[in-house]
Amino acid sequence: MNVVKNFCRVCERAKLKHIIAKPSVFFYDSIMFRLWAKLFKDNRLLQDTVIELADDDTRTHKVFRALEEACRTFDLAQPLWLDTNIREFQARAKTRFLQDSFMESVPFDYLEIHVIEE
């Protein structure tokens, strides 16, 4: 099998000849990013929203911007990223911000964020 010396724009790796033959599959203008934010009280969903971003920013910046937009939608202050939140988000692309992540008292048990599409 011949390896073509072209590179895919998405994964930046050399692609095999039969994969390069279909460039429309690999050439995206930008990748859609969706973050689902949910507020829970007594294990019941109070509110939720999906934030969509389609730009060329890094994943980390997209997460922070989407969380900021979700907090604006819910009329909340931004939560603090504790070590447990960082570890959980890195492992599962999902985390819960409990009462101790907020500087002020909040009328719910936790805010959960989950990346649902990248």
PDB file of N, CA and C in Angstrom:
ATOM      1  N   MET A   1       0.847  -1.177   0.000  1.00  0.00           N
ATOM      2  CA  MET A   1       0.000   0.000   0.000  1.00  0.00           C
ATOM      3  C   MET A   1       0.896   1.244   0.000  1.00  0.00           C
ATOM      4  N   ASN A   2       0.632   2.176  -0.885  1.00  0.00           N
ATOM      5  CA  ASN A   2       1.422   3.399  -0.997  1.00  0.00           C
ATOM      6  C   ASN A   2       0.944   4.439   0.008  1.00  0.00           C
ATOM      7  N   VAL A   3       1.887   5.048   0.670  1.00  0.00           N
ATOM      8  CA  VAL A   3       1.555   6.131   1.591  1.00  0.00           C
ATOM      9  C   VAL A   3       1.825   7.441   0.883  1.00  0.00           C
ATOM     10  N   VAL A   4       0.817   8.283   0.826  1.00  0.00           N
ATOM     11  CA  VAL A   4       0.941   9.589   0.196  1.00  0.00           C
ATOM     12  C   VAL A   4       1.527  10.551   1.215  1.00  0.00           C
ATOM     13  N   LYS A   5       2.377  11.454   0.781  1.00  0.00           N
ATOM     14  CA  LYS A   5       3.032  12.377   1.697  1.00  0.00           C
ATOM     15  C   LYS A   5       2.180  13.606   2.026  1.00  0.00           C
ATOM     16  N   ASN A   6       0.888  13.566   1.753  1.00  0.00           N
ATOM     17  CA  ASN A   6      -0.011  14.665   2.116  1.00  0.00           C
ATOM     18  C   ASN A   6      -0.428  14.509   3.570  1.00  0.00           C
ATOM     19  N   PHE A   7      -0.863  15.604   4.155  1.00  0.00           N
ATOM     20  CA  PHE A   7      -1.286  15.571   5.539  1.00  0.00           C
ATOM     21  C   PHE A   7      -2.737  16.000   5.655  1.00  0.00           C
ATOM     22  N   CYS A   8      -3.427  15.361   6.553  1.00  0.00           N
ATOM     23  CA  CYS A   8      -4.820  15.709   6.831  1.00  0.00           C
ATOM     24  C   CYS A   8      -4.834  17.000   7.647  1.00  0.00           C
ATOM     25  N   ARG A   9      -5.716  17.950   7.324  1.00  0.00           N
ATOM     26  CA  ARG A   9      -5.780  19.222   8.051  1.00  0.00           C
ATOM     27  C   ARG A   9      -6.314  19.034   9.461  1.00  0.00           C
ATOM     28  N   VAL A  10      -7.117  18.007   9.685  1.00  0.00           N
ATOM     29  CA  VAL A  10      -7.740  17.808  10.989  1.00  0.00           C
ATOM     30  C   VAL A  10      -6.771  17.170  11.977  1.00  0.00           C
ATOM     31  N   CYS A  11      -6.219  16.016  11.638  1.00  0.00           N
ATOM     32  CA  CYS A  11      -5.365  15.315  12.602  1.00  0.00           C
ATOM     33  C   CYS A  11      -3.877  15.518  12.346  1.00  0.00           C
ATOM     34  N   GLU A  12      -3.501  16.181  11.234  1.00  0.00           N
ATOM     35  CA  GLU A  12      -2.124  16.514  10.905  1.00  0.00           C
ATOM     36  C   GLU A  12      -1.208  15.295  10.834  1.00  0.00           C
ATOM     37  N   ARG A  13      -1.732  14.195  10.354  1.00  0.00           N
ATOM     38  CA  ARG A  13      -0.933  12.990  10.161  1.00  0.00           C
ATOM     39  C   ARG A  13      -0.986  12.602   8.697  1.00  0.00           C
ATOM     40  N   ALA A  14       0.032  11.869   8.266  1.00  0.00           N
ATOM     41  CA  ALA A  14       0.030  11.394   6.884  1.00  0.00           C
ATOM     42  C   ALA A  14      -1.115  10.410   6.699  1.00  0.00           C
ATOM     43  N   LYS A  15      -1.833  10.542   5.612  1.00  0.00           N
ATOM     44  CA  LYS A  15      -2.974   9.680   5.330  1.00  0.00           C
ATOM     45  C   LYS A  15      -2.664   8.727   4.190  1.00  0.00           C
ATOM     46  N   LEU A  16      -3.288   7.572   4.181  1.00  0.00           N
ATOM     47  CA  LEU A  16      -3.128   6.619   3.101  1.00  0.00           C
ATOM     48  C   LEU A  16      -3.835   7.119   1.855  1.00  0.00           C
ATOM     49  N   LYS A  17      -3.429   6.593   0.720  1.00  0.00           N
ATOM     50  CA  LYS A  17      -3.928   7.079  -0.558  1.00  0.00           C
ATOM     51  C   LYS A  17      -5.445   7.011  -0.657  1.00  0.00           C
ATOM     52  N   HIS A  18      -6.061   5.925  -0.204  1.00  0.00           N
ATOM     53  CA  HIS A  18      -7.508   5.786  -0.326  1.00  0.00           C
ATOM     54  C   HIS A  18      -8.266   6.749   0.592  1.00  0.00           C
ATOM     55  N   ILE A  19      -7.661   7.213   1.645  1.00  0.00           N
ATOM     56  CA  ILE A  19      -8.315   8.182   2.522  1.00  0.00           C
ATOM     57  C   ILE A  19      -8.197   9.592   1.943  1.00  0.00           C
ATOM     58  N   ILE A  20      -7.051   9.936   1.367  1.00  0.00           N
ATOM     59  CA  ILE A  20      -6.836  11.250   0.763  1.00  0.00           C
ATOM     60  C   ILE A  20      -7.757  11.451  -0.435  1.00  0.00           C
ATOM     61  N   ALA A  21      -8.183  10.373  -1.060  1.00  0.00           N
ATOM     62  CA  ALA A  21      -9.035  10.481  -2.241  1.00  0.00           C
ATOM     63  C   ALA A  21     -10.375  11.145  -1.933  1.00  0.00           C
ATOM     64  N   LYS A  22     -10.773  11.195  -0.667  1.00  0.00           N
ATOM     65  CA  LYS A  22     -12.044  11.811  -0.281  1.00  0.00           C
ATOM     66  C   LYS A  22     -11.775  13.002   0.644  1.00  0.00           C
ATOM     67  N   PRO A  23     -11.284  14.116   0.095  1.00  0.00           N
ATOM     68  CA  PRO A  23     -10.923  15.239   0.955  1.00  0.00           C
ATOM     69  C   PRO A  23     -12.115  15.893   1.632  1.00  0.00           C
ATOM     70  N   SER A  24     -13.312  15.753   1.085  1.00  0.00           N
ATOM     71  CA  SER A  24     -14.469  16.404   1.693  1.00  0.00           C
ATOM     72  C   SER A  24     -14.783  15.838   3.068  1.00  0.00           C
ATOM     73  N   VAL A  25     -14.324  14.622   3.353  1.00  0.00           N
ATOM     74  CA  VAL A  25     -14.576  14.012   4.650  1.00  0.00           C
ATOM     75  C   VAL A  25     -13.720  14.676   5.729  1.00  0.00           C
ATOM     76  N   PHE A  26     -12.528  15.121   5.385  1.00  0.00           N
ATOM     77  CA  PHE A  26     -11.576  15.595   6.373  1.00  0.00           C
ATOM     78  C   PHE A  26     -11.425  17.104   6.470  1.00  0.00           C
ATOM     79  N   PHE A  27     -11.917  17.865   5.527  1.00  0.00           N
ATOM     80  CA  PHE A  27     -11.695  19.297   5.541  1.00  0.00           C
ATOM     81  C   PHE A  27     -12.896  20.016   6.139  1.00  0.00           C
ATOM     82  N   TYR A  28     -12.753  20.445   7.370  1.00  0.00           N
ATOM     83  CA  TYR A  28     -13.801  21.174   8.072  1.00  0.00           C
ATOM     84  C   TYR A  28     -13.362  22.619   8.220  1.00  0.00           C
ATOM     85  N   ASP A  29     -14.316  23.537   8.136  1.00  0.00           N
ATOM     86  CA  ASP A  29     -13.987  24.936   8.403  1.00  0.00           C
ATOM     87  C   ASP A  29     -13.714  25.107   9.891  1.00  0.00           C
ATOM     88  N   SER A  30     -14.579  24.577  10.704  1.00  0.00           N
ATOM     89  CA  SER A  30     -14.367  24.575  12.146  1.00  0.00           C
ATOM     90  C   SER A  30     -15.177  23.439  12.744  1.00  0.00           C
ATOM     91  N   ILE A  31     -14.773  22.984  13.892  1.00  0.00           N
ATOM     92  CA  ILE A  31     -15.432  21.862  14.552  1.00  0.00           C
ATOM     93  C   ILE A  31     -16.397  22.412  15.593  1.00  0.00           C
ATOM     94  N   MET A  32     -17.635  21.921  15.569  1.00  0.00           N
ATOM     95  CA  MET A  32     -18.656  22.380  16.511  1.00  0.00           C
ATOM     96  C   MET A  32     -18.334  21.860  17.908  1.00  0.00           C
ATOM     97  N   PHE A  33     -18.443  22.730  18.872  1.00  0.00           N
ATOM     98  CA  PHE A  33     -18.219  22.396  20.278  1.00  0.00           C
ATOM     99  C   PHE A  33     -19.522  22.663  21.015  1.00  0.00           C
ATOM    100  N   ARG A  34     -20.009  21.684  21.768  1.00  0.00           N
ATOM    101  CA  ARG A  34     -21.244  21.855  22.541  1.00  0.00           C
ATOM    102  C   ARG A  34     -21.002  21.462  23.985  1.00  0.00           C
ATOM    103  N   LEU A  35     -21.439  22.318  24.882  1.00  0.00           N
ATOM    104  CA  LEU A  35     -21.349  22.063  26.311  1.00  0.00           C
ATOM    105  C   LEU A  35     -22.759  22.121  26.887  1.00  0.00           C
ATOM    106  N   TRP A  36     -23.129  21.086  27.619  1.00  0.00           N
ATOM    107  CA  TRP A  36     -24.447  20.997  28.241  1.00  0.00           C
ATOM    108  C   TRP A  36     -24.283  21.342  29.713  1.00  0.00           C
ATOM    109  N   ALA A  37     -24.962  22.385  30.163  1.00  0.00           N
ATOM    110  CA  ALA A  37     -24.899  22.814  31.561  1.00  0.00           C
ATOM    111  C   ALA A  37     -26.268  22.569  32.202  1.00  0.00           C
ATOM    112  N   LYS A  38     -26.251  21.988  33.424  1.00  0.00           N
ATOM    113  CA  LYS A  38     -27.497  21.622  34.095  1.00  0.00           C
ATOM    114  C   LYS A  38     -27.433  22.008  35.570  1.00  0.00           C
ATOM    115  N   LEU A  39     -28.538  22.517  36.092  1.00  0.00           N
ATOM    116  CA  LEU A  39     -28.667  22.823  37.515  1.00  0.00           C
ATOM    117  C   LEU A  39     -29.556  21.773  38.161  1.00  0.00           C
ATOM    118  N   PHE A  40     -29.101  21.210  39.295  1.00  0.00           N
ATOM    119  CA  PHE A  40     -29.860  20.178  39.997  1.00  0.00           C
ATOM    120  C   PHE A  40     -30.132  20.580  41.438  1.00  0.00           C
ATOM    121  N   LYS A  41     -31.313  20.234  41.915  1.00  0.00           N
ATOM    122  CA  LYS A  41     -31.694  20.399  43.320  1.00  0.00           C
ATOM    123  C   LYS A  41     -32.454  19.141  43.721  1.00  0.00           C
ATOM    124  N   ASP A  42     -32.019  18.462  44.779  1.00  0.00           N
ATOM    125  CA  ASP A  42     -32.627  17.213  45.250  1.00  0.00           C
ATOM    126  C   ASP A  42     -32.725  16.176  44.132  1.00  0.00           C
ATOM    127  N   ASN A  43     -31.674  16.052  43.357  1.00  0.00           N
ATOM    128  CA  ASN A  43     -31.582  15.120  42.227  1.00  0.00           C
ATOM    129  C   ASN A  43     -32.643  15.337  41.160  1.00  0.00           C
ATOM    130  N   ARG A  44     -33.132  16.545  41.055  1.00  0.00           N
ATOM    131  CA  ARG A  44     -34.088  16.914  40.009  1.00  0.00           C
ATOM    132  C   ARG A  44     -33.480  18.043  39.172  1.00  0.00           C
ATOM    133  N   LEU A  45     -33.695  17.943  37.897  1.00  0.00           N
ATOM    134  CA  LEU A  45     -33.189  18.951  36.974  1.00  0.00           C
ATOM    135  C   LEU A  45     -34.037  20.213  37.081  1.00  0.00           C
ATOM    136  N   LEU A  46     -33.399  21.339  37.425  1.00  0.00           N
ATOM    137  CA  LEU A  46     -34.104  22.617  37.510  1.00  0.00           C
ATOM    138  C   LEU A  46     -34.065  23.362  36.182  1.00  0.00           C
ATOM    139  N   GLN A  47     -32.878  23.479  35.615  1.00  0.00           N
ATOM    140  CA  GLN A  47     -32.669  24.208  34.366  1.00  0.00           C
ATOM    141  C   GLN A  47     -31.529  23.550  33.607  1.00  0.00           C
ATOM    142  N   ASP A  48     -31.559  23.699  32.295  1.00  0.00           N
ATOM    143  CA  ASP A  48     -30.428  23.260  31.506  1.00  0.00           C
ATOM    144  C   ASP A  48     -30.314  24.134  30.266  1.00  0.00           C
ATOM    145  N   THR A  49     -29.131  24.141  29.705  1.00  0.00           N
ATOM    146  CA  THR A  49     -28.877  24.886  28.475  1.00  0.00           C
ATOM    147  C   THR A  49     -27.730  24.216  27.733  1.00  0.00           C
ATOM    148  N   VAL A  50     -27.727  24.361  26.427  1.00  0.00           N
ATOM    149  CA  VAL A  50     -26.631  23.869  25.594  1.00  0.00           C
ATOM    150  C   VAL A  50     -25.975  25.076  24.941  1.00  0.00           C
ATOM    151  N   ILE A  51     -24.683  25.200  25.134  1.00  0.00           N
ATOM    152  CA  ILE A  51     -23.906  26.292  24.557  1.00  0.00           C
ATOM    153  C   ILE A  51     -23.130  25.729  23.376  1.00  0.00           C
ATOM    154  N   GLU A  52     -23.289  26.346  22.220  1.00  0.00           N
ATOM    155  CA  GLU A  52     -22.598  25.915  21.007  1.00  0.00           C
ATOM    156  C   GLU A  52     -21.567  26.967  20.590  1.00  0.00           C
ATOM    157  N   LEU A  53     -20.372  26.502  20.309  1.00  0.00           N
ATOM    158  CA  LEU A  53     -19.305  27.377  19.829  1.00  0.00           C
ATOM    159  C   LEU A  53     -18.691  26.750  18.579  1.00  0.00           C
ATOM    160  N   ALA A  54     -18.497  27.540  17.557  1.00  0.00           N
ATOM    161  CA  ALA A  54     -17.899  27.039  16.317  1.00  0.00           C
ATOM    162  C   ALA A  54     -16.816  28.005  15.858  1.00  0.00           C
ATOM    163  N   ASP A  55     -15.701  27.982  16.540  1.00  0.00           N
ATOM    164  CA  ASP A  55     -14.581  28.818  16.137  1.00  0.00           C
ATOM    165  C   ASP A  55     -13.296  28.010  16.222  1.00  0.00           C
ATOM    166  N   ASP A  56     -12.190  28.632  15.936  1.00  0.00           N
ATOM    167  CA  ASP A  56     -10.912  27.929  15.893  1.00  0.00           C
ATOM    168  C   ASP A  56     -10.103  28.082  17.182  1.00  0.00           C
ATOM    169  N   ASP A  57     -10.773  28.384  18.271  1.00  0.00           N
ATOM    170  CA  ASP A  57     -10.097  28.550  19.550  1.00  0.00           C
ATOM    171  C   ASP A  57      -9.728  27.180  20.124  1.00  0.00           C
ATOM    172  N   THR A  58      -8.886  27.157  21.148  1.00  0.00           N
ATOM    173  CA  THR A  58      -8.495  25.899  21.776  1.00  0.00           C
ATOM    174  C   THR A  58      -9.656  25.332  22.584  1.00  0.00           C
ATOM    175  N   ARG A  59      -9.580  24.039  22.873  1.00  0.00           N
ATOM    176  CA  ARG A  59     -10.648  23.383  23.633  1.00  0.00           C
ATOM    177  C   ARG A  59     -10.800  24.009  25.014  1.00  0.00           C
ATOM    178  N   THR A  60      -9.702  24.304  25.674  1.00  0.00           N
ATOM    179  CA  THR A  60      -9.744  24.898  27.011  1.00  0.00           C
ATOM    180  C   THR A  60     -10.459  26.243  26.988  1.00  0.00           C
ATOM    181  N   HIS A  61     -10.128  27.085  26.020  1.00  0.00           N
ATOM    182  CA  HIS A  61     -10.797  28.383  25.919  1.00  0.00           C
ATOM    183  C   HIS A  61     -12.277  28.218  25.610  1.00  0.00           C
ATOM    184  N   LYS A  62     -12.611  27.224  24.799  1.00  0.00           N
ATOM    185  CA  LYS A  62     -14.022  26.972  24.503  1.00  0.00           C
ATOM    186  C   LYS A  62     -14.778  26.551  25.757  1.00  0.00           C
ATOM    187  N   VAL A  63     -14.168  25.707  26.576  1.00  0.00           N
ATOM    188  CA  VAL A  63     -14.811  25.262  27.824  1.00  0.00           C
ATOM    189  C   VAL A  63     -15.054  26.454  28.735  1.00  0.00           C
ATOM    190  N   PHE A  64     -14.052  27.294  28.925  1.00  0.00           N
ATOM    191  CA  PHE A  64     -14.204  28.456  29.800  1.00  0.00           C
ATOM    192  C   PHE A  64     -15.240  29.443  29.269  1.00  0.00           C
ATOM    193  N   ARG A  65     -15.227  29.682  27.960  1.00  0.00           N
ATOM    194  CA  ARG A  65     -16.212  30.605  27.375  1.00  0.00           C
ATOM    195  C   ARG A  65     -17.631  30.046  27.459  1.00  0.00           C
ATOM    196  N   ALA A  66     -17.778  28.735  27.222  1.00  0.00           N
ATOM    197  CA  ALA A  66     -19.099  28.110  27.303  1.00  0.00           C
ATOM    198  C   ALA A  66     -19.612  28.120  28.740  1.00  0.00           C
ATOM    199  N   LEU A  67     -18.740  27.863  29.711  1.00  0.00           N
ATOM    200  CA  LEU A  67     -19.147  27.926  31.115  1.00  0.00           C
ATOM    201  C   LEU A  67     -19.554  29.342  31.495  1.00  0.00           C
ATOM    202  N   GLU A  68     -18.817  30.330  31.021  1.00  0.00           N
ATOM    203  CA  GLU A  68     -19.161  31.732  31.286  1.00  0.00           C
ATOM    204  C   GLU A  68     -20.534  32.072  30.701  1.00  0.00           C
ATOM    205  N   GLU A  69     -20.791  31.610  29.481  1.00  0.00           N
ATOM    206  CA  GLU A  69     -22.090  31.859  28.845  1.00  0.00           C
ATOM    207  C   GLU A  69     -23.222  31.136  29.581  1.00  0.00           C
ATOM    208  N   ALA A  70     -22.972  29.918  30.041  1.00  0.00           N
ATOM    209  CA  ALA A  70     -23.983  29.175  30.796  1.00  0.00           C
ATOM    210  C   ALA A  70     -24.295  29.884  32.116  1.00  0.00           C
ATOM    211  N   CYS A  71     -23.266  30.363  32.794  1.00  0.00           N
ATOM    212  CA  CYS A  71     -23.479  31.091  34.055  1.00  0.00           C
ATOM    213  C   CYS A  71     -24.244  32.384  33.809  1.00  0.00           C
ATOM    214  N   ARG A  72     -23.972  33.035  32.698  1.00  0.00           N
ATOM    215  CA  ARG A  72     -24.729  34.245  32.347  1.00  0.00           C
ATOM    216  C   ARG A  72     -26.198  33.892  32.096  1.00  0.00           C
ATOM    217  N   THR A  73     -26.446  32.776  31.425  1.00  0.00           N
ATOM    218  CA  THR A  73     -27.818  32.322  31.162  1.00  0.00           C
ATOM    219  C   THR A  73     -28.557  32.008  32.459  1.00  0.00           C
ATOM    220  N   PHE A  74     -27.881  31.356  33.401  1.00  0.00           N
ATOM    221  CA  PHE A  74     -28.485  30.993  34.681  1.00  0.00           C
ATOM    222  C   PHE A  74     -28.434  32.123  35.706  1.00  0.00           C
ATOM    223  N   ASP A  75     -27.822  33.250  35.373  1.00  0.00           N
ATOM    224  CA  ASP A  75     -27.643  34.386  36.267  1.00  0.00           C
ATOM    225  C   ASP A  75     -26.860  33.966  37.516  1.00  0.00           C
ATOM    226  N   LEU A  76     -25.700  33.374  37.289  1.00  0.00           N
ATOM    227  CA  LEU A  76     -24.820  32.887  38.353  1.00  0.00           C
ATOM    228  C   LEU A  76     -23.447  33.526  38.233  1.00  0.00           C
ATOM    229  N   ALA A  77     -22.740  33.543  39.353  1.00  0.00           N
ATOM    230  CA  ALA A  77     -21.322  33.907  39.322  1.00  0.00           C
ATOM    231  C   ALA A  77     -20.541  32.691  38.823  1.00  0.00           C
ATOM    232  N   GLN A  78     -19.381  32.928  38.256  1.00  0.00           N
ATOM    233  CA  GLN A  78     -18.557  31.820  37.758  1.00  0.00           C
ATOM    234  C   GLN A  78     -18.084  30.952  38.919  1.00  0.00           C
ATOM    235  N   PRO A  79     -18.145  29.629  38.775  1.00  0.00           N
ATOM    236  CA  PRO A  79     -17.635  28.751  39.840  1.00  0.00           C
ATOM    237  C   PRO A  79     -16.110  28.672  39.798  1.00  0.00           C
ATOM    238  N   LEU A  80     -15.539  28.290  40.923  1.00  0.00           N
ATOM    239  CA  LEU A  80     -14.097  28.076  41.009  1.00  0.00           C
ATOM    240  C   LEU A  80     -13.782  26.649  40.575  1.00  0.00           C
ATOM    241  N   TRP A  81     -12.724  26.493  39.801  1.00  0.00           N
ATOM    242  CA  TRP A  81     -12.289  25.157  39.394  1.00  0.00           C
ATOM    243  C   TRP A  81     -11.401  24.588  40.503  1.00  0.00           C
ATOM    244  N   LEU A  82     -11.922  23.668  41.273  1.00  0.00           N
ATOM    245  CA  LEU A  82     -11.142  23.000  42.307  1.00  0.00           C
ATOM    246  C   LEU A  82     -10.382  21.831  41.679  1.00  0.00           C
ATOM    247  N   ASP A  83      -9.423  21.273  42.423  1.00  0.00           N
ATOM    248  CA  ASP A  83      -8.618  20.168  41.889  1.00  0.00           C
ATOM    249  C   ASP A  83      -9.486  18.980  41.488  1.00  0.00           C
ATOM    250  N   THR A  84     -10.524  18.694  42.266  1.00  0.00           N
ATOM    251  CA  THR A  84     -11.403  17.573  41.926  1.00  0.00           C
ATOM    252  C   THR A  84     -12.148  17.826  40.619  1.00  0.00           C
ATOM    253  N   ASN A  85     -12.556  19.071  40.391  1.00  0.00           N
ATOM    254  CA  ASN A  85     -13.224  19.414  39.133  1.00  0.00           C
ATOM    255  C   ASN A  85     -12.293  19.228  37.939  1.00  0.00           C
ATOM    256  N   ILE A  86     -11.063  19.651  38.081  1.00  0.00           N
ATOM    257  CA  ILE A  86     -10.091  19.545  36.991  1.00  0.00           C
ATOM    258  C   ILE A  86      -9.827  18.085  36.657  1.00  0.00           C
ATOM    259  N   ARG A  87      -9.580  17.254  37.678  1.00  0.00           N
ATOM    260  CA  ARG A  87      -9.310  15.828  37.443  1.00  0.00           C
ATOM    261  C   ARG A  87     -10.506  15.130  36.806  1.00  0.00           C
ATOM    262  N   GLU A  88     -11.688  15.401  37.334  1.00  0.00           N
ATOM    263  CA  GLU A  88     -12.898  14.772  36.812  1.00  0.00           C
ATOM    264  C   GLU A  88     -13.158  15.204  35.365  1.00  0.00           C
ATOM    265  N   PHE A  89     -12.966  16.484  35.066  1.00  0.00           N
ATOM    266  CA  PHE A  89     -13.207  16.979  33.715  1.00  0.00           C
ATOM    267  C   PHE A  89     -12.196  16.412  32.726  1.00  0.00           C
ATOM    268  N   GLN A  90     -10.945  16.292  33.129  1.00  0.00           N
ATOM    269  CA  GLN A  90      -9.929  15.718  32.246  1.00  0.00           C
ATOM    270  C   GLN A  90     -10.217  14.251  31.952  1.00  0.00           C
ATOM    271  N   ALA A  91     -10.742  13.529  32.934  1.00  0.00           N
ATOM    272  CA  ALA A  91     -10.994  12.098  32.760  1.00  0.00           C
ATOM    273  C   ALA A  91     -12.262  11.814  31.956  1.00  0.00           C
ATOM    274  N   ARG A  92     -13.331  12.600  32.194  1.00  0.00           N
ATOM    275  CA  ARG A  92     -14.636  12.264  31.620  1.00  0.00           C
ATOM    276  C   ARG A  92     -15.285  13.344  30.771  1.00  0.00           C
ATOM    277  N   ALA A  93     -14.661  14.510  30.650  1.00  0.00           N
ATOM    278  CA  ALA A  93     -15.246  15.668  29.952  1.00  0.00           C
ATOM    279  C   ALA A  93     -16.565  16.064  30.595  1.00  0.00           C
ATOM    280  N   LYS A  94     -16.625  15.877  31.907  1.00  0.00           N
ATOM    281  CA  LYS A  94     -17.843  16.159  32.670  1.00  0.00           C
ATOM    282  C   LYS A  94     -17.436  16.430  34.113  1.00  0.00           C
ATOM    283  N   THR A  95     -18.079  17.406  34.763  1.00  0.00           N
ATOM    284  CA  THR A  95     -17.799  17.670  36.167  1.00  0.00           C
ATOM    285  C   THR A  95     -18.989  18.339  36.828  1.00  0.00           C
ATOM    286  N   ARG A  96     -18.995  18.292  38.155  1.00  0.00           N
ATOM    287  CA  ARG A  96     -20.035  18.937  38.947  1.00  0.00           C
ATOM    288  C   ARG A  96     -19.409  19.984  39.858  1.00  0.00           C
ATOM    289  N   PHE A  97     -20.004  21.167  39.838  1.00  0.00           N
ATOM    290  CA  PHE A  97     -19.580  22.236  40.731  1.00  0.00           C
ATOM    291  C   PHE A  97     -20.563  22.267  41.893  1.00  0.00           C
ATOM    292  N   LEU A  98     -20.092  21.891  43.076  1.00  0.00           N
ATOM    293  CA  LEU A  98     -20.928  21.864  44.271  1.00  0.00           C
ATOM    294  C   LEU A  98     -20.954  23.239  44.918  1.00  0.00           C
ATOM    295  N   GLN A  99     -21.606  23.336  46.068  1.00  0.00           N
ATOM    296  CA  GLN A  99     -21.739  24.609  46.785  1.00  0.00           C
ATOM    297  C   GLN A  99     -20.378  25.239  47.089  1.00  0.00           C
ATOM    298  N   ASP A 100     -19.378  24.414  47.402  1.00  0.00           N
ATOM    299  CA  ASP A 100     -18.067  24.967  47.775  1.00  0.00           C
ATOM    300  C   ASP A 100     -17.299  25.562  46.589  1.00  0.00           C
ATOM    301  N   SER A 101     -17.784  25.389  45.369  1.00  0.00           N
ATOM    302  CA  SER A 101     -17.148  25.994  44.200  1.00  0.00           C
ATOM    303  C   SER A 101     -17.619  27.420  43.956  1.00  0.00           C
ATOM    304  N   PHE A 102     -18.657  27.837  44.655  1.00  0.00           N
ATOM    305  CA  PHE A 102     -19.218  29.170  44.459  1.00  0.00           C
ATOM    306  C   PHE A 102     -18.894  30.056  45.661  1.00  0.00           C
ATOM    307  N   MET A 103     -18.635  31.326  45.397  1.00  0.00           N
ATOM    308  CA  MET A 103     -18.293  32.269  46.461  1.00  0.00           C
ATOM    309  C   MET A 103     -19.522  32.696  47.259  1.00  0.00           C
ATOM    310  N   GLU A 104     -20.680  32.622  46.639  1.00  0.00           N
ATOM    311  CA  GLU A 104     -21.921  33.020  47.301  1.00  0.00           C
ATOM    312  C   GLU A 104     -22.834  31.809  47.429  1.00  0.00           C
ATOM    313  N   SER A 105     -23.845  31.922  48.232  1.00  0.00           N
ATOM    314  CA  SER A 105     -24.811  30.845  48.402  1.00  0.00           C
ATOM    315  C   SER A 105     -25.659  30.722  47.136  1.00  0.00           C
ATOM    316  N   VAL A 106     -25.908  29.490  46.715  1.00  0.00           N
ATOM    317  CA  VAL A 106     -26.689  29.250  45.501  1.00  0.00           C
ATOM    318  C   VAL A 106     -27.901  28.385  45.837  1.00  0.00           C
ATOM    319  N   PRO A 107     -29.028  28.584  45.130  1.00  0.00           N
ATOM    320  CA  PRO A 107     -30.263  27.875  45.459  1.00  0.00           C
ATOM    321  C   PRO A 107     -30.392  26.500  44.800  1.00  0.00           C
ATOM    322  N   PHE A 108     -29.289  25.823  44.569  1.00  0.00           N
ATOM    323  CA  PHE A 108     -29.322  24.485  43.979  1.00  0.00           C
ATOM    324  C   PHE A 108     -28.204  23.665  44.594  1.00  0.00           C
ATOM    325  N   ASP A 109     -28.218  22.357  44.342  1.00  0.00           N
ATOM    326  CA  ASP A 109     -27.209  21.465  44.922  1.00  0.00           C
ATOM    327  C   ASP A 109     -25.905  21.465  44.132  1.00  0.00           C
ATOM    328  N   TYR A 110     -26.023  21.419  42.806  1.00  0.00           N
ATOM    329  CA  TYR A 110     -24.814  21.447  41.987  1.00  0.00           C
ATOM    330  C   TYR A 110     -25.115  21.867  40.564  1.00  0.00           C
ATOM    331  N   LEU A 111     -24.063  22.380  39.917  1.00  0.00           N
ATOM    332  CA  LEU A 111     -24.069  22.707  38.498  1.00  0.00           C
ATOM    333  C   LEU A 111     -23.210  21.672  37.811  1.00  0.00           C
ATOM    334  N   GLU A 112     -23.787  20.995  36.835  1.00  0.00           N
ATOM    335  CA  GLU A 112     -23.035  19.975  36.105  1.00  0.00           C
ATOM    336  C   GLU A 112     -22.797  20.447  34.676  1.00  0.00           C
ATOM    337  N   ILE A 113     -21.557  20.301  34.210  1.00  0.00           N
ATOM    338  CA  ILE A 113     -21.255  20.616  32.816  1.00  0.00           C
ATOM    339  C   ILE A 113     -20.726  19.359  32.150  1.00  0.00           C
ATOM    340  N   HIS A 114     -21.035  19.232  30.863  1.00  0.00           N
ATOM    341  CA  HIS A 114     -20.682  18.021  30.128  1.00  0.00           C
ATOM    342  C   HIS A 114     -20.457  18.410  28.668  1.00  0.00           C
ATOM    343  N   VAL A 115     -19.272  18.098  28.147  1.00  0.00           N
ATOM    344  CA  VAL A 115     -18.999  18.338  26.733  1.00  0.00           C
ATOM    345  C   VAL A 115     -19.678  17.218  25.950  1.00  0.00           C
ATOM    346  N   ILE A 116     -20.636  17.582  25.100  1.00  0.00           N
ATOM    347  CA  ILE A 116     -21.389  16.559  24.380  1.00  0.00           C
ATOM    348  C   ILE A 116     -20.974  16.408  22.924  1.00  0.00           C
ATOM    349  N   GLU A 117     -20.203  17.363  22.403  1.00  0.00           N
ATOM    350  CA  GLU A 117     -19.752  17.248  21.013  1.00  0.00           C
ATOM    351  C   GLU A 117     -18.513  18.094  20.792  1.00  0.00           C
ATOM    352  N   GLU A 118     -17.548  17.512  20.111  1.00  0.00           N
ATOM    353  CA  GLU A 118     -16.334  18.249  19.762  1.00  0.00           C
ATOM    354  C   GLU A 118     -16.023  18.036  18.314  1.00  0.00           C
TER     355      GLU A 118
END
